[in-house]
């Protein structure tokens, strides 16, 4: 789970990660869900791009087959 958080935070635009959960779905099957924080006022298209990049990095680096990412705007 620490690796997931580190990879998510490595994406430019991610200010924080919280409510991380992971489920073991069987041999070599992992599902994760978590919230990423982006700056309040970030255009929806940019927030979506950030979430997609997080999903790709987490999947590639951890072997997670299914990631559900929620985007939360936060005041900085």
N, C-alpha and C. Protein backbone atom coordinates (compact mmCIF):
# COMPACT_ATOMS: atom_id res chain seq x y z
N UNK A 1 0.83 -1.19 0.00
CA UNK A 1 0.00 0.00 0.00
C UNK A 1 0.87 1.25 0.00
N UNK A 2 2.00 1.17 0.66
CA UNK A 2 2.93 2.30 0.66
C UNK A 2 3.42 2.59 -0.76
N UNK A 3 3.67 1.53 -1.52
CA UNK A 3 4.14 1.70 -2.91
C UNK A 3 3.07 2.39 -3.75
N UNK A 4 1.80 2.05 -3.55
CA UNK A 4 0.71 2.69 -4.28
C UNK A 4 0.70 4.18 -3.97
N UNK A 5 0.79 4.53 -2.70
CA UNK A 5 0.77 5.94 -2.30
C UNK A 5 1.96 6.70 -2.88
N UNK A 6 3.13 6.11 -2.83
CA UNK A 6 4.33 6.76 -3.37
C UNK A 6 4.19 7.00 -4.87
N UNK A 7 3.71 5.99 -5.59
CA UNK A 7 3.55 6.13 -7.05
C UNK A 7 2.49 7.18 -7.38
N UNK A 8 1.40 7.20 -6.64
CA UNK A 8 0.35 8.19 -6.89
C UNK A 8 0.88 9.60 -6.66
N UNK A 9 1.61 9.80 -5.57
CA UNK A 9 2.14 11.12 -5.25
C UNK A 9 3.24 11.57 -6.20
N UNK A 10 3.79 10.65 -6.97
CA UNK A 10 4.86 11.01 -7.91
C UNK A 10 4.32 11.69 -9.16
N UNK A 11 3.01 11.67 -9.34
CA UNK A 11 2.40 12.30 -10.52
C UNK A 11 2.23 13.80 -10.25
N UNK A 12 2.71 14.60 -11.18
CA UNK A 12 2.60 16.05 -11.05
C UNK A 12 1.12 16.44 -10.94
N UNK A 13 0.83 17.25 -9.94
CA UNK A 13 -0.55 17.70 -9.71
C UNK A 13 -1.22 17.01 -8.55
N UNK A 14 -0.68 15.88 -8.11
CA UNK A 14 -1.24 15.17 -6.95
C UNK A 14 -0.67 15.78 -5.68
N UNK A 15 -1.54 16.34 -4.86
CA UNK A 15 -1.12 16.99 -3.62
C UNK A 15 -1.17 16.05 -2.42
N UNK A 16 -1.97 15.01 -2.52
CA UNK A 16 -2.09 14.06 -1.42
C UNK A 16 -2.88 12.84 -1.84
N UNK A 17 -2.84 11.82 -0.99
CA UNK A 17 -3.57 10.57 -1.20
C UNK A 17 -4.19 10.19 0.13
N UNK A 18 -5.45 9.74 0.09
CA UNK A 18 -6.07 9.27 1.33
C UNK A 18 -7.12 8.21 1.03
N UNK A 19 -7.60 7.57 2.09
CA UNK A 19 -8.63 6.52 2.02
C UNK A 19 -8.24 5.39 1.08
N UNK A 20 -6.99 4.96 1.17
CA UNK A 20 -6.48 3.89 0.33
C UNK A 20 -6.94 2.53 0.86
N UNK A 21 -7.54 1.75 -0.03
CA UNK A 21 -7.90 0.38 0.31
C UNK A 21 -7.39 -0.53 -0.80
N UNK A 22 -7.08 -1.75 -0.44
CA UNK A 22 -6.65 -2.74 -1.43
C UNK A 22 -7.28 -4.07 -1.07
N UNK A 23 -7.66 -4.81 -2.12
CA UNK A 23 -8.26 -6.12 -1.93
C UNK A 23 -7.49 -7.15 -2.75
N UNK A 24 -7.26 -8.26 -2.14
CA UNK A 24 -6.65 -9.38 -2.83
C UNK A 24 -7.77 -10.17 -3.46
N UNK A 25 -7.78 -10.28 -4.77
CA UNK A 25 -8.87 -10.93 -5.47
C UNK A 25 -8.56 -12.35 -5.93
N UNK A 26 -7.42 -12.85 -5.57
CA UNK A 26 -7.01 -14.19 -5.98
C UNK A 26 -5.56 -14.18 -6.39
N UNK A 27 -5.10 -15.27 -6.96
CA UNK A 27 -3.68 -15.33 -7.35
C UNK A 27 -3.30 -14.16 -8.28
N UNK A 28 -2.41 -13.34 -7.80
CA UNK A 28 -1.88 -12.21 -8.57
C UNK A 28 -2.94 -11.21 -9.01
N UNK A 29 -4.04 -11.10 -8.28
CA UNK A 29 -5.09 -10.14 -8.61
C UNK A 29 -5.27 -9.20 -7.43
N UNK A 30 -5.02 -7.92 -7.68
CA UNK A 30 -5.17 -6.90 -6.65
C UNK A 30 -6.05 -5.78 -7.18
N UNK A 31 -6.97 -5.33 -6.36
CA UNK A 31 -7.84 -4.20 -6.69
C UNK A 31 -7.56 -3.11 -5.66
N UNK A 32 -7.48 -1.86 -6.09
CA UNK A 32 -7.28 -0.74 -5.17
C UNK A 32 -8.31 0.34 -5.41
N UNK A 33 -8.53 1.12 -4.39
CA UNK A 33 -9.37 2.31 -4.49
C UNK A 33 -8.81 3.36 -3.55
N UNK A 34 -8.76 4.60 -4.02
CA UNK A 34 -8.23 5.67 -3.18
C UNK A 34 -8.61 7.02 -3.75
N UNK A 35 -8.39 8.04 -2.95
CA UNK A 35 -8.66 9.42 -3.35
C UNK A 35 -7.33 10.12 -3.59
N UNK A 36 -7.27 10.92 -4.65
CA UNK A 36 -6.12 11.80 -4.84
C UNK A 36 -6.63 13.24 -4.67
N UNK A 37 -5.77 14.08 -4.16
CA UNK A 37 -6.11 15.48 -3.96
C UNK A 37 -5.40 16.31 -5.02
N UNK A 38 -6.18 17.20 -5.66
CA UNK A 38 -5.63 18.15 -6.64
C UNK A 38 -6.05 19.55 -6.21
N UNK A 39 -5.37 20.55 -6.73
CA UNK A 39 -5.68 21.93 -6.36
C UNK A 39 -7.11 22.29 -6.76
N UNK A 40 -7.81 22.94 -5.84
CA UNK A 40 -9.15 23.42 -6.12
C UNK A 40 -9.09 24.35 -7.33
N UNK A 41 -10.03 24.20 -8.25
CA UNK A 41 -10.04 25.02 -9.46
C UNK A 41 -9.36 24.35 -10.64
N UNK A 42 -8.76 23.18 -10.41
CA UNK A 42 -8.15 22.45 -11.53
C UNK A 42 -9.25 22.08 -12.52
N UNK A 43 -9.08 22.41 -13.81
CA UNK A 43 -10.10 22.05 -14.79
C UNK A 43 -10.35 20.54 -14.79
N UNK A 44 -11.58 20.15 -15.01
CA UNK A 44 -11.97 18.74 -14.97
C UNK A 44 -11.14 17.89 -15.93
N UNK A 45 -10.82 18.45 -17.10
CA UNK A 45 -10.02 17.70 -18.07
C UNK A 45 -8.62 17.42 -17.52
N UNK A 46 -8.05 18.38 -16.82
CA UNK A 46 -6.72 18.19 -16.23
C UNK A 46 -6.79 17.21 -15.07
N UNK A 47 -7.81 17.32 -14.24
CA UNK A 47 -7.97 16.40 -13.12
C UNK A 47 -8.13 14.97 -13.63
N UNK A 48 -8.87 14.80 -14.71
CA UNK A 48 -9.05 13.48 -15.31
C UNK A 48 -7.73 12.96 -15.86
N UNK A 49 -6.96 13.81 -16.50
CA UNK A 49 -5.65 13.40 -17.03
C UNK A 49 -4.74 12.95 -15.90
N UNK A 50 -4.75 13.71 -14.79
CA UNK A 50 -3.93 13.36 -13.63
C UNK A 50 -4.35 11.99 -13.09
N UNK A 51 -5.65 11.78 -12.94
CA UNK A 51 -6.16 10.50 -12.43
C UNK A 51 -5.77 9.34 -13.34
N UNK A 52 -5.85 9.55 -14.64
CA UNK A 52 -5.47 8.50 -15.60
C UNK A 52 -3.98 8.19 -15.50
N UNK A 53 -3.16 9.22 -15.33
CA UNK A 53 -1.72 8.99 -15.19
C UNK A 53 -1.42 8.24 -13.89
N UNK A 54 -2.12 8.60 -12.81
CA UNK A 54 -1.95 7.88 -11.55
C UNK A 54 -2.32 6.41 -11.74
N UNK A 55 -3.46 6.17 -12.37
CA UNK A 55 -3.92 4.80 -12.59
C UNK A 55 -2.89 4.00 -13.39
N UNK A 56 -2.36 4.60 -14.44
CA UNK A 56 -1.38 3.91 -15.28
C UNK A 56 -0.10 3.60 -14.51
N UNK A 57 0.41 4.56 -13.76
CA UNK A 57 1.65 4.35 -13.00
C UNK A 57 1.46 3.30 -11.91
N UNK A 58 0.36 3.42 -11.17
CA UNK A 58 0.11 2.46 -10.08
C UNK A 58 -0.05 1.06 -10.66
N UNK A 59 -0.80 0.94 -11.73
CA UNK A 59 -1.01 -0.38 -12.36
C UNK A 59 0.31 -0.97 -12.85
N UNK A 60 1.10 -0.15 -13.53
CA UNK A 60 2.37 -0.63 -14.09
C UNK A 60 3.36 -1.02 -13.00
N UNK A 61 3.47 -0.21 -11.97
CA UNK A 61 4.49 -0.42 -10.95
C UNK A 61 4.11 -1.42 -9.87
N UNK A 62 2.82 -1.65 -9.66
CA UNK A 62 2.41 -2.55 -8.57
C UNK A 62 1.72 -3.81 -9.07
N UNK A 63 1.34 -3.85 -10.34
CA UNK A 63 0.63 -5.00 -10.86
C UNK A 63 -0.85 -5.00 -10.54
N UNK A 64 -1.34 -3.90 -10.03
CA UNK A 64 -2.77 -3.77 -9.72
C UNK A 64 -3.58 -3.85 -11.02
N UNK A 65 -4.56 -4.75 -11.05
CA UNK A 65 -5.35 -4.91 -12.26
C UNK A 65 -6.55 -3.97 -12.34
N UNK A 66 -6.98 -3.45 -11.21
CA UNK A 66 -8.17 -2.59 -11.20
C UNK A 66 -7.99 -1.50 -10.16
N UNK A 67 -7.92 -0.25 -10.61
CA UNK A 67 -7.76 0.88 -9.71
C UNK A 67 -8.95 1.83 -9.87
N UNK A 68 -9.58 2.17 -8.76
CA UNK A 68 -10.65 3.15 -8.76
C UNK A 68 -10.10 4.38 -8.05
N UNK A 69 -10.04 5.49 -8.77
CA UNK A 69 -9.44 6.71 -8.23
C UNK A 69 -10.49 7.80 -8.18
N UNK A 70 -10.65 8.39 -7.02
CA UNK A 70 -11.56 9.51 -6.83
C UNK A 70 -10.71 10.78 -6.74
N UNK A 71 -11.14 11.84 -7.38
CA UNK A 71 -10.39 13.10 -7.36
C UNK A 71 -11.10 14.08 -6.42
N UNK A 72 -10.35 14.59 -5.46
CA UNK A 72 -10.87 15.56 -4.50
C UNK A 72 -10.14 16.89 -4.66
N UNK A 73 -10.86 17.99 -4.88
CA UNK A 73 -10.21 19.30 -4.93
C UNK A 73 -9.92 19.78 -3.51
N UNK A 74 -8.73 20.32 -3.30
CA UNK A 74 -8.37 20.85 -1.99
C UNK A 74 -7.81 22.27 -2.15
N UNK A 75 -8.09 23.09 -1.17
CA UNK A 75 -7.58 24.45 -1.18
C UNK A 75 -6.12 24.42 -0.76
N UNK A 76 -5.28 25.11 -1.53
CA UNK A 76 -3.85 25.15 -1.18
C UNK A 76 -3.45 26.53 -0.74
